[in-house]
C-alpha atoms as a PDB file:
ATOM      1  CA  MET A   1       0.085  -0.105   0.057  1.00  0.00           C
ATOM      2  CA  THR A   2       2.709   2.318   0.964  1.00  0.00           C
ATOM      3  CA  LYS A   3       4.439   1.773  -2.465  1.00  0.00           C
ATOM      4  CA  SER A   4       1.405   2.546  -4.454  1.00  0.00           C
ATOM      5  CA  VAL A   5       0.968   5.799  -2.591  1.00  0.00           C
ATOM      6  CA  LEU A   6       4.204   6.762  -3.156  1.00  0.00           C
ATOM      7  CA  ILE A   7       4.222   6.049  -6.703  1.00  0.00           C
ATOM      8  CA  PHE A   8       0.852   7.807  -7.074  1.00  0.00           C
ATOM      9  CA  LEU A   9       2.403  11.180  -5.397  1.00  0.00           C
ATOM     10  CA  SER A  10       5.377  10.992  -7.397  1.00  0.00           C
ATOM     11  CA  LEU A  11       3.391  10.770 -10.647  1.00  0.00           C
ATOM     12  CA  THR A  12       1.066  13.690  -9.576  1.00  0.00           C
ATOM     13  CA  VAL A  13       4.071  15.927  -8.727  1.00  0.00           C
ATOM     14  CA  LEU A  14       5.662  15.090 -12.070  1.00  0.00           C
ATOM     15  CA  THR A  15       2.605  15.888 -13.890  1.00  0.00           C
ATOM     16  CA  LEU A  16       1.841  19.016 -12.196  1.00  0.00           C
ATOM     17  CA  THR A  17       5.317  20.372 -12.465  1.00  0.00           C
ATOM     18  CA  SER A  18       5.702  19.564 -16.122  1.00  0.00           C
ATOM     19  CA  SER A  19       2.370  21.221 -16.950  1.00  0.00           C
ATOM     20  CA  ASN A  20       2.925  24.534 -15.303  1.00  0.00           C
ATOM     21  CA  ALA A  21       4.592  27.393 -17.217  1.00  0.00           C
ATOM     22  CA  ALA A  22       8.240  28.349 -16.248  1.00  0.00           C
ATOM     23  CA  ILE A  23       9.303  31.885 -16.031  1.00  0.00           C
ATOM     24  CA  TYR A  24      12.709  31.028 -16.911  1.00  0.00           C
ATOM     25  CA  LYS A  25      11.769  29.506 -19.986  1.00  0.00           C
ATOM     26  CA  GLY A  26       9.653  32.677 -20.669  1.00  0.00           C
ATOM     27  CA  GLN A  27      12.755  34.811 -20.176  1.00  0.00           C
ATOM     28  CA  LYS A  28      14.823  32.588 -22.551  1.00  0.00           C
ATOM     29  CA  ILE A  29      12.103  32.872 -25.446  1.00  0.00           C
ATOM     30  CA  PHE A  30      11.994  36.568 -24.804  1.00  0.00           C
ATOM     31  CA  VAL A  31      15.785  36.995 -25.130  1.00  0.00           C
ATOM     32  CA  GLN A  32      15.971  34.780 -27.965  1.00  0.00           C
ATOM     33  CA  GLN A  33      12.978  36.068 -29.891  1.00  0.00           C
ATOM     34  CA  CYS A  34      11.990  39.515 -28.797  1.00  0.00           C
ATOM     35  CA  LEU A  35      15.141  41.223 -28.041  1.00  0.00           C
ATOM     36  CA  LYS A  36      15.695  41.489 -31.783  1.00  0.00           C
ATOM     37  CA  CYS A  37      13.283  44.234 -32.203  1.00  0.00           C
ATOM     38  CA  HIS A  38      12.370  45.085 -28.565  1.00  0.00           C
ATOM     39  CA  ASP A  39      15.861  45.901 -27.435  1.00  0.00           C
ATOM     40  CA  ALA A  40      14.789  47.939 -24.339  1.00  0.00           C
ATOM     41  CA  GLY A  41      14.212  44.603 -22.760  1.00  0.00           C
ATOM     42  CA  GLN A  42      13.435  45.280 -19.203  1.00  0.00           C
ATOM     43  CA  ASN A  43      11.873  48.310 -19.964  1.00  0.00           C
ATOM     44  CA  PHE A  44       9.620  47.007 -22.703  1.00  0.00           C
ATOM     45  CA  VAL A  45       8.273  44.159 -20.360  1.00  0.00           C
ATOM     46  CA  ALA A  46       7.465  46.740 -17.786  1.00  0.00           C
ATOM     47  CA  LYS A  47       5.555  48.799 -20.416  1.00  0.00           C
ATOM     48  CA  TYR A  48       2.247  47.115 -19.634  1.00  0.00           C
ATOM     49  CA  LYS A  49       0.379  45.962 -16.550  1.00  0.00           C
ATOM     50  CA  MET A  50      -0.297  42.343 -15.677  1.00  0.00           C
ATOM     51  CA  LYS A  51      -3.969  42.579 -16.904  1.00  0.00           C
ATOM     52  CA  GLU A  52      -2.758  43.821 -20.251  1.00  0.00           C
ATOM     53  CA  TRP A  53      -0.153  41.064 -20.714  1.00  0.00           C
ATOM     54  CA  LYS A  54      -2.792  38.535 -19.937  1.00  0.00           C
ATOM     55  CA  SER A  55      -5.174  39.927 -22.541  1.00  0.00           C
ATOM     56  CA  LEU A  56      -2.564  39.898 -25.279  1.00  0.00           C
ATOM     57  CA  MET A  57      -1.601  36.548 -24.442  1.00  0.00           C
ATOM     58  CA  LYS A  58      -5.218  34.930 -24.355  1.00  0.00           C
ATOM     59  CA  LYS A  59      -5.941  32.108 -26.803  1.00  0.00           C
ATOM     60  CA  ASP A  60      -2.277  31.101 -27.047  1.00  0.00           C
ATOM     61  CA  GLY A  61      -1.115  34.393 -27.592  1.00  0.00           C
ATOM     62  CA  LYS A  62      -3.078  35.000 -30.786  1.00  0.00           C
ATOM     63  CA  GLU A  63      -3.609  38.932 -30.182  1.00  0.00           C
ATOM     64  CA  LEU A  64       0.018  39.567 -29.451  1.00  0.00           C
ATOM     65  CA  ALA A  65       0.890  37.452 -32.788  1.00  0.00           C
ATOM     66  CA  GLN A  66      -1.566  39.299 -34.702  1.00  0.00           C
ATOM     67  CA  ILE A  67      -0.158  42.771 -33.614  1.00  0.00           C
ATOM     68  CA  HIS A  68       3.281  41.762 -35.000  1.00  0.00           C
ATOM     69  CA  LEU A  69       1.722  40.192 -38.204  1.00  0.00           C
ATOM     70  CA  ASP A  70      -0.200  43.292 -38.973  1.00  0.00           C
ATOM     71  CA  SER A  71       3.020  45.467 -38.415  1.00  0.00           C
ATOM     72  CA  GLN A  72       5.494  46.044 -41.324  1.00  0.00           C
ATOM     73  CA  LYS A  73       8.016  47.046 -38.519  1.00  0.00           C
ATOM     74  CA  ALA A  74       7.890  43.503 -37.286  1.00  0.00           C
ATOM     75  CA  LYS A  75       8.600  41.523 -40.522  1.00  0.00           C
ATOM     76  CA  LYS A  76      11.368  39.913 -39.043  1.00  0.00           C
ATOM     77  CA  SER A  77       9.084  38.120 -36.578  1.00  0.00           C
ATOM     78  CA  HIS A  78       6.453  37.027 -38.934  1.00  0.00           C
ATOM     79  CA  LYS A  79       7.981  33.515 -39.318  1.00  0.00           C
ATOM     80  CA  TYR A  80       8.304  33.154 -35.617  1.00  0.00           C
ATOM     81  CA  PHE A  81       4.519  34.159 -34.948  1.00  0.00           C
ATOM     82  CA  ASN A  82       3.358  31.819 -37.586  1.00  0.00           C
ATOM     83  CA  SER A  83       5.058  28.920 -36.168  1.00  0.00           C
ATOM     84  CA  THR A  84       3.859  26.106 -33.906  1.00  0.00           C
ATOM     85  CA  LYS A  85       6.833  26.861 -31.972  1.00  0.00           C
ATOM     86  CA  TYR A  86       5.307  30.166 -30.912  1.00  0.00           C
ATOM     87  CA  THR A  87       1.957  28.673 -30.051  1.00  0.00           C
ATOM     88  CA  LYS A  88       3.515  25.848 -28.022  1.00  0.00           C
ATOM     89  CA  LYS A  89       5.751  27.925 -25.815  1.00  0.00           C
ATOM     90  CA  THR A  90       3.204  31.045 -25.300  1.00  0.00           C
ATOM     91  CA  LYS A  91       2.315  29.696 -21.757  1.00  0.00           C
ATOM     92  CA  HIS A  92       5.916  30.341 -20.766  1.00  0.00           C
ATOM     93  CA  LEU A  93       6.237  33.753 -22.383  1.00  0.00           C
ATOM     94  CA  LYS A  94       2.938  34.689 -20.669  1.00  0.00           C
ATOM     95  CA  GLN A  95       4.324  33.798 -17.373  1.00  0.00           C
ATOM     96  CA  PHE A  96       7.529  35.738 -17.759  1.00  0.00           C
ATOM     97  CA  LEU A  97       5.724  38.999 -19.266  1.00  0.00           C
ATOM     98  CA  VAL A  98       3.020  38.702 -16.406  1.00  0.00           C
ATOM     99  CA  GLU A  99       5.618  38.160 -13.714  1.00  0.00           C
ATOM    100  CA  TYR A 100       7.566  41.216 -14.826  1.00  0.00           C
ATOM    101  CA  ALA A 101       4.756  43.580 -15.636  1.00  0.00           C
ATOM    102  CA  LYS A 102       4.800  47.340 -14.699  1.00  0.00           C
ATOM    103  CA  ASP A 103       2.423  46.723 -11.763  1.00  0.00           C
ATOM    104  CA  SER A 104       4.110  43.280 -10.438  1.00  0.00           C
ATOM    105  CA  GLY A 105       7.092  44.909  -8.679  1.00  0.00           C
ATOM    106  CA  ASN A 106       9.469  42.404  -9.877  1.00  0.00           C
ATOM    107  CA  VAL A 107      12.637  42.970 -12.008  1.00  0.00           C
ATOM    108  CA  PRO A 108      14.140  40.181 -14.127  1.00  0.00           C
ATOM    109  CA  ALA A 109      17.465  39.304 -13.153  1.00  0.00           C
ATOM    110  CA  CYS A 110      20.159  38.863 -15.898  1.00  0.00           C
ATOM    111  CA  ASN A 111      20.881  35.166 -16.559  1.00  0.00           C
END
């Protein structure tokens, strides 16, 4: 009995931790994909409040992607925003953007 309870708890912990978004992964995505155009970095993330970032990142970040796809200035990013790579990793990017939003009081560390 103890063995089965231990296995159940282990599987539960592994499932919950792997399904959650990770801020550090979102920061990595931001550095790799967003800093090409948004070189202000920390200032850019802190440009919007948590509620605004959550709104932009609804439905796998479709609204944020559409803003970039509609802009000729963001032409470099069109390939990325049309990719499945973007839609698969939006939860991490959203977590990062919300964590360091204007009204969060947090400042990202340089990693």
